[in-house]
Amino acid sequence: MTAELNKSATNQRPRTKKEIAAYFSVSERTIDRWLLEGTLPRDAKVVIGGVVRFNMDVLERHMRERSE
């Protein structure tokens, strides 16, 4: 699976923690820490049937807002 995610698409499928970690070039543990610290928005994390996924649209919007 490629680490590169489509940065311009909307309504993307929920991503795994592994995919999000690859996108940011960090470990999965760093993603957990960023969530706890508030570096990543809590609403980006979605639990579907007990499985954690991440909403890429929320993450991208958050990153755009931080860079402005």
PDB file of N, CA and C in Angstrom:
ATOM      1  N   MET A   1       0.852  -1.181   0.000  1.00  0.00           N
ATOM      2  CA  MET A   1       0.000   0.000   0.000  1.00  0.00           C
ATOM      3  C   MET A   1       0.894   1.238   0.000  1.00  0.00           C
ATOM      4  N   THR A   2       0.519   2.204  -0.770  1.00  0.00           N
ATOM      5  CA  THR A   2       1.318   3.420  -0.879  1.00  0.00           C
ATOM      6  C   THR A   2       1.086   4.346   0.308  1.00  0.00           C
ATOM      7  N   ALA A   3       2.134   5.046   0.685  1.00  0.00           N
ATOM      8  CA  ALA A   3       2.026   5.991   1.794  1.00  0.00           C
ATOM      9  C   ALA A   3       1.455   7.319   1.330  1.00  0.00           C
ATOM     10  N   GLU A   4       1.451   7.532   0.032  1.00  0.00           N
ATOM     11  CA  GLU A   4       0.962   8.797  -0.520  1.00  0.00           C
ATOM     12  C   GLU A   4      -0.565   8.771  -0.568  1.00  0.00           C
ATOM     13  N   LEU A   5      -1.196   9.772   0.011  1.00  0.00           N
ATOM     14  CA  LEU A   5      -2.650   9.870   0.001  1.00  0.00           C
ATOM     15  C   LEU A   5      -3.060  11.019  -0.894  1.00  0.00           C
ATOM     16  N   ASN A   6      -4.206  10.892  -1.491  1.00  0.00           N
ATOM     17  CA  ASN A   6      -4.717  11.951  -2.344  1.00  0.00           C
ATOM     18  C   ASN A   6      -5.057  13.152  -1.480  1.00  0.00           C
ATOM     19  N   LYS A   7      -4.369  14.248  -1.689  1.00  0.00           N
ATOM     20  CA  LYS A   7      -4.527  15.420  -0.843  1.00  0.00           C
ATOM     21  C   LYS A   7      -5.652  16.349  -1.287  1.00  0.00           C
ATOM     22  N   SER A   8      -6.240  16.118  -2.459  1.00  0.00           N
ATOM     23  CA  SER A   8      -7.251  17.046  -2.953  1.00  0.00           C
ATOM     24  C   SER A   8      -8.663  16.459  -2.966  1.00  0.00           C
ATOM     25  N   ALA A   9      -8.810  15.170  -2.753  1.00  0.00           N
ATOM     26  CA  ALA A   9     -10.130  14.549  -2.818  1.00  0.00           C
ATOM     27  C   ALA A   9     -10.953  14.894  -1.577  1.00  0.00           C
ATOM     28  N   THR A  10     -12.261  14.900  -1.761  1.00  0.00           N
ATOM     29  CA  THR A  10     -13.155  15.093  -0.626  1.00  0.00           C
ATOM     30  C   THR A  10     -13.948  13.816  -0.439  1.00  0.00           C
ATOM     31  N   ASN A  11     -14.558  13.694   0.720  1.00  0.00           N
ATOM     32  CA  ASN A  11     -15.333  12.494   1.048  1.00  0.00           C
ATOM     33  C   ASN A  11     -14.503  11.230   0.851  1.00  0.00           C
ATOM     34  N   GLN A  12     -13.294  11.261   1.319  1.00  0.00           N
ATOM     35  CA  GLN A  12     -12.406  10.120   1.201  1.00  0.00           C
ATOM     36  C   GLN A  12     -12.825   9.029   2.166  1.00  0.00           C
ATOM     37  N   ARG A  13     -12.422   7.814   1.877  1.00  0.00           N
ATOM     38  CA  ARG A  13     -12.704   6.708   2.787  1.00  0.00           C
ATOM     39  C   ARG A  13     -11.926   6.917   4.077  1.00  0.00           C
ATOM     40  N   PRO A  14     -12.435   6.421   5.175  1.00  0.00           N
ATOM     41  CA  PRO A  14     -11.693   6.522   6.440  1.00  0.00           C
ATOM     42  C   PRO A  14     -10.352   5.811   6.320  1.00  0.00           C
ATOM     43  N   ARG A  15      -9.308   6.404   6.897  1.00  0.00           N
ATOM     44  CA  ARG A  15      -7.950   5.867   6.802  1.00  0.00           C
ATOM     45  C   ARG A  15      -7.537   5.191   8.102  1.00  0.00           C
ATOM     46  N   THR A  16      -6.641   4.235   7.987  1.00  0.00           N
ATOM     47  CA  THR A  16      -6.115   3.562   9.172  1.00  0.00           C
ATOM     48  C   THR A  16      -5.063   4.442   9.846  1.00  0.00           C
ATOM     49  N   LYS A  17      -4.763   4.113  11.098  1.00  0.00           N
ATOM     50  CA  LYS A  17      -3.719   4.837  11.815  1.00  0.00           C
ATOM     51  C   LYS A  17      -2.384   4.681  11.090  1.00  0.00           C
ATOM     52  N   LYS A  18      -2.142   3.503  10.549  1.00  0.00           N
ATOM     53  CA  LYS A  18      -0.904   3.247   9.806  1.00  0.00           C
ATOM     54  C   LYS A  18      -0.803   4.172   8.594  1.00  0.00           C
ATOM     55  N   GLU A  19      -1.895   4.351   7.871  1.00  0.00           N
ATOM     56  CA  GLU A  19      -1.894   5.244   6.710  1.00  0.00           C
ATOM     57  C   GLU A  19      -1.660   6.696   7.118  1.00  0.00           C
ATOM     58  N   ILE A  20      -2.293   7.104   8.214  1.00  0.00           N
ATOM     59  CA  ILE A  20      -2.126   8.482   8.684  1.00  0.00           C
ATOM     60  C   ILE A  20      -0.690   8.700   9.156  1.00  0.00           C
ATOM     61  N   ALA A  21      -0.117   7.724   9.849  1.00  0.00           N
ATOM     62  CA  ALA A  21       1.272   7.836  10.290  1.00  0.00           C
ATOM     63  C   ALA A  21       2.208   7.948   9.077  1.00  0.00           C
ATOM     64  N   ALA A  22       1.961   7.165   8.049  1.00  0.00           N
ATOM     65  CA  ALA A  22       2.784   7.234   6.836  1.00  0.00           C
ATOM     66  C   ALA A  22       2.618   8.592   6.149  1.00  0.00           C
ATOM     67  N   TYR A  23       1.417   9.113   6.128  1.00  0.00           N
ATOM     68  CA  TYR A  23       1.139  10.415   5.518  1.00  0.00           C
ATOM     69  C   TYR A  23       1.961  11.520   6.181  1.00  0.00           C
ATOM     70  N   PHE A  24       2.047  11.471   7.515  1.00  0.00           N
ATOM     71  CA  PHE A  24       2.798  12.480   8.266  1.00  0.00           C
ATOM     72  C   PHE A  24       4.257  12.076   8.500  1.00  0.00           C
ATOM     73  N   SER A  25       4.647  10.898   8.043  1.00  0.00           N
ATOM     74  CA  SER A  25       6.012  10.366   8.216  1.00  0.00           C
ATOM     75  C   SER A  25       6.402  10.281   9.692  1.00  0.00           C
ATOM     76  N   VAL A  26       5.489   9.730  10.479  1.00  0.00           N
ATOM     77  CA  VAL A  26       5.722   9.533  11.913  1.00  0.00           C
ATOM     78  C   VAL A  26       5.265   8.122  12.285  1.00  0.00           C
ATOM     79  N   SER A  27       5.504   7.742  13.531  1.00  0.00           N
ATOM     80  CA  SER A  27       5.057   6.431  14.001  1.00  0.00           C
ATOM     81  C   SER A  27       3.574   6.487  14.384  1.00  0.00           C
ATOM     82  N   GLU A  28       2.987   5.309  14.502  1.00  0.00           N
ATOM     83  CA  GLU A  28       1.594   5.233  14.959  1.00  0.00           C
ATOM     84  C   GLU A  28       1.474   5.749  16.388  1.00  0.00           C
ATOM     85  N   ARG A  29       2.494   5.537  17.193  1.00  0.00           N
ATOM     86  CA  ARG A  29       2.487   6.037  18.575  1.00  0.00           C
ATOM     87  C   ARG A  29       2.446   7.562  18.590  1.00  0.00           C
ATOM     88  N   THR A  30       3.119   8.192  17.641  1.00  0.00           N
ATOM     89  CA  THR A  30       3.092   9.650  17.546  1.00  0.00           C
ATOM     90  C   THR A  30       1.679  10.134  17.232  1.00  0.00           C
ATOM     91  N   ILE A  31       0.963   9.418  16.385  1.00  0.00           N
ATOM     92  CA  ILE A  31      -0.430   9.774  16.091  1.00  0.00           C
ATOM     93  C   ILE A  31      -1.247   9.727  17.381  1.00  0.00           C
ATOM     94  N   ASP A  32      -1.061   8.674  18.186  1.00  0.00           N
ATOM     95  CA  ASP A  32      -1.753   8.579  19.478  1.00  0.00           C
ATOM     96  C   ASP A  32      -1.412   9.774  20.369  1.00  0.00           C
ATOM     97  N   ARG A  33      -0.129  10.107  20.437  1.00  0.00           N
ATOM     98  CA  ARG A  33       0.294  11.228  21.283  1.00  0.00           C
ATOM     99  C   ARG A  33      -0.288  12.540  20.773  1.00  0.00           C
ATOM    100  N   TRP A  34      -0.266  12.747  19.462  1.00  0.00           N
ATOM    101  CA  TRP A  34      -0.829  13.973  18.895  1.00  0.00           C
ATOM    102  C   TRP A  34      -2.305  14.109  19.224  1.00  0.00           C
ATOM    103  N   LEU A  35      -3.038  13.003  19.219  1.00  0.00           N
ATOM    104  CA  LEU A  35      -4.454  13.049  19.591  1.00  0.00           C
ATOM    105  C   LEU A  35      -4.610  13.454  21.051  1.00  0.00           C
ATOM    106  N   LEU A  36      -3.805  12.871  21.924  1.00  0.00           N
ATOM    107  CA  LEU A  36      -3.868  13.208  23.351  1.00  0.00           C
ATOM    108  C   LEU A  36      -3.485  14.655  23.614  1.00  0.00           C
ATOM    109  N   GLU A  37      -2.484  15.153  22.888  1.00  0.00           N
ATOM    110  CA  GLU A  37      -1.995  16.526  23.073  1.00  0.00           C
ATOM    111  C   GLU A  37      -2.879  17.564  22.400  1.00  0.00           C
ATOM    112  N   GLY A  38      -3.761  17.120  21.503  1.00  0.00           N
ATOM    113  CA  GLY A  38      -4.603  18.057  20.767  1.00  0.00           C
ATOM    114  C   GLY A  38      -3.959  18.587  19.501  1.00  0.00           C
ATOM    115  N   THR A  39      -2.818  18.023  19.117  1.00  0.00           N
ATOM    116  CA  THR A  39      -2.164  18.422  17.864  1.00  0.00           C
ATOM    117  C   THR A  39      -3.042  18.050  16.677  1.00  0.00           C
ATOM    118  N   LEU A  40      -3.679  16.896  16.772  1.00  0.00           N
ATOM    119  CA  LEU A  40      -4.661  16.479  15.770  1.00  0.00           C
ATOM    120  C   LEU A  40      -6.045  16.619  16.390  1.00  0.00           C
ATOM    121  N   PRO A  41      -7.028  17.037  15.607  1.00  0.00           N
ATOM    122  CA  PRO A  41      -8.374  17.207  16.155  1.00  0.00           C
ATOM    123  C   PRO A  41      -9.009  15.863  16.517  1.00  0.00           C
ATOM    124  N   ARG A  42      -9.651  15.832  17.667  1.00  0.00           N
ATOM    125  CA  ARG A  42     -10.290  14.591  18.121  1.00  0.00           C
ATOM    126  C   ARG A  42     -11.376  14.110  17.158  1.00  0.00           C
ATOM    127  N   ASP A  43     -12.045  15.036  16.486  1.00  0.00           N
ATOM    128  CA  ASP A  43     -13.128  14.618  15.588  1.00  0.00           C
ATOM    129  C   ASP A  43     -12.603  13.966  14.311  1.00  0.00           C
ATOM    130  N   ALA A  44     -11.291  13.929  14.120  1.00  0.00           N
ATOM    131  CA  ALA A  44     -10.723  13.214  12.979  1.00  0.00           C
ATOM    132  C   ALA A  44     -10.743  11.708  13.228  1.00  0.00           C
ATOM    133  N   LYS A  45     -10.765  11.329  14.505  1.00  0.00           N
ATOM    134  CA  LYS A  45     -10.772   9.913  14.882  1.00  0.00           C
ATOM    135  C   LYS A  45     -12.204   9.402  14.874  1.00  0.00           C
ATOM    136  N   VAL A  46     -12.431   8.323  14.136  1.00  0.00           N
ATOM    137  CA  VAL A  46     -13.756   7.728  14.005  1.00  0.00           C
ATOM    138  C   VAL A  46     -13.653   6.251  14.374  1.00  0.00           C
ATOM    139  N   VAL A  47     -14.558   5.788  15.213  1.00  0.00           N
ATOM    140  CA  VAL A  47     -14.589   4.370  15.565  1.00  0.00           C
ATOM    141  C   VAL A  47     -15.758   3.734  14.824  1.00  0.00           C
ATOM    142  N   ILE A  48     -15.428   2.766  13.987  1.00  0.00           N
ATOM    143  CA  ILE A  48     -16.436   2.077  13.168  1.00  0.00           C
ATOM    144  C   ILE A  48     -16.427   0.605  13.563  1.00  0.00           C
ATOM    145  N   GLY A  49     -17.468   0.175  14.224  1.00  0.00           N
ATOM    146  CA  GLY A  49     -17.542  -1.223  14.650  1.00  0.00           C
ATOM    147  C   GLY A  49     -16.378  -1.625  15.545  1.00  0.00           C
ATOM    148  N   GLY A  50     -15.924  -0.729  16.381  1.00  0.00           N
ATOM    149  CA  GLY A  50     -14.815  -1.005  17.281  1.00  0.00           C
ATOM    150  C   GLY A  50     -13.442  -0.837  16.656  1.00  0.00           C
ATOM    151  N   VAL A  51     -13.398  -0.470  15.376  1.00  0.00           N
ATOM    152  CA  VAL A  51     -12.133  -0.281  14.665  1.00  0.00           C
ATOM    153  C   VAL A  51     -11.886   1.217  14.489  1.00  0.00           C
ATOM    154  N   VAL A  52     -10.681   1.660  14.840  1.00  0.00           N
ATOM    155  CA  VAL A  52     -10.346   3.078  14.740  1.00  0.00           C
ATOM    156  C   VAL A  52      -9.941   3.418  13.309  1.00  0.00           C
ATOM    157  N   ARG A  53     -10.539   4.475  12.800  1.00  0.00           N
ATOM    158  CA  ARG A  53     -10.196   5.020  11.484  1.00  0.00           C
ATOM    159  C   ARG A  53     -10.086   6.531  11.631  1.00  0.00           C
ATOM    160  N   PHE A  54      -9.556   7.182  10.606  1.00  0.00           N
ATOM    161  CA  PHE A  54      -9.377   8.631  10.651  1.00  0.00           C
ATOM    162  C   PHE A  54     -10.001   9.274   9.418  1.00  0.00           C
ATOM    163  N   ASN A  55     -10.665  10.388   9.660  1.00  0.00           N
ATOM    164  CA  ASN A  55     -11.320  11.140   8.595  1.00  0.00           C
ATOM    165  C   ASN A  55     -10.283  12.082   7.990  1.00  0.00           C
ATOM    166  N   MET A  56      -9.851  11.773   6.786  1.00  0.00           N
ATOM    167  CA  MET A  56      -8.806  12.550   6.121  1.00  0.00           C
ATOM    168  C   MET A  56      -9.268  13.967   5.819  1.00  0.00           C
ATOM    169  N   ASP A  57     -10.537  14.144   5.498  1.00  0.00           N
ATOM    170  CA  ASP A  57     -11.056  15.495   5.218  1.00  0.00           C
ATOM    171  C   ASP A  57     -10.872  16.403   6.433  1.00  0.00           C
ATOM    172  N   VAL A  58     -11.148  15.874   7.634  1.00  0.00           N
ATOM    173  CA  VAL A  58     -10.992  16.655   8.868  1.00  0.00           C
ATOM    174  C   VAL A  58      -9.514  16.978   9.095  1.00  0.00           C
ATOM    175  N   LEU A  59      -8.645  15.989   8.890  1.00  0.00           N
ATOM    176  CA  LEU A  59      -7.212  16.229   9.072  1.00  0.00           C
ATOM    177  C   LEU A  59      -6.679  17.271   8.093  1.00  0.00           C
ATOM    178  N   GLU A  60      -7.085  17.179   6.847  1.00  0.00           N
ATOM    179  CA  GLU A  60      -6.617  18.140   5.842  1.00  0.00           C
ATOM    180  C   GLU A  60      -7.103  19.550   6.154  1.00  0.00           C
ATOM    181  N   ARG A  61      -8.363  19.665   6.561  1.00  0.00           N
ATOM    182  CA  ARG A  61      -8.900  20.982   6.913  1.00  0.00           C
ATOM    183  C   ARG A  61      -8.121  21.563   8.104  1.00  0.00           C
ATOM    184  N   HIS A  62      -7.856  20.740   9.088  1.00  0.00           N
ATOM    185  CA  HIS A  62      -7.101  21.166  10.264  1.00  0.00           C
ATOM    186  C   HIS A  62      -5.702  21.652   9.868  1.00  0.00           C
ATOM    187  N   MET A  63      -5.046  20.914   8.996  1.00  0.00           N
ATOM    188  CA  MET A  63      -3.694  21.286   8.567  1.00  0.00           C
ATOM    189  C   MET A  63      -3.714  22.597   7.773  1.00  0.00           C
ATOM    190  N   ARG A  64      -4.714  22.783   6.937  1.00  0.00           N
ATOM    191  CA  ARG A  64      -4.840  24.043   6.184  1.00  0.00           C
ATOM    192  C   ARG A  64      -5.033  25.224   7.140  1.00  0.00           C
ATOM    193  N   GLU A  65      -5.894  25.041   8.130  1.00  0.00           N
ATOM    194  CA  GLU A  65      -6.160  26.118   9.099  1.00  0.00           C
ATOM    195  C   GLU A  65      -4.925  26.451   9.899  1.00  0.00           C
ATOM    196  N   ARG A  66      -4.132  25.469  10.251  1.00  0.00           N
ATOM    197  CA  ARG A  66      -2.904  25.706  11.009  1.00  0.00           C
ATOM    198  C   ARG A  66      -1.843  26.432  10.178  1.00  0.00           C
ATOM    199  N   SER A  67      -1.876  26.221   8.883  1.00  0.00           N
ATOM    200  CA  SER A  67      -0.842  26.830   8.029  1.00  0.00           C
ATOM    201  C   SER A  67      -1.181  28.256   7.610  1.00  0.00           C
ATOM    202  N   GLU A  68      -2.403  28.690   7.867  1.00  0.00           N
ATOM    203  CA  GLU A  68      -2.818  30.051   7.472  1.00  0.00           C
ATOM    204  C   GLU A  68      -2.374  31.083   8.476  1.00  0.00           C
TER     205      GLU A  68
END
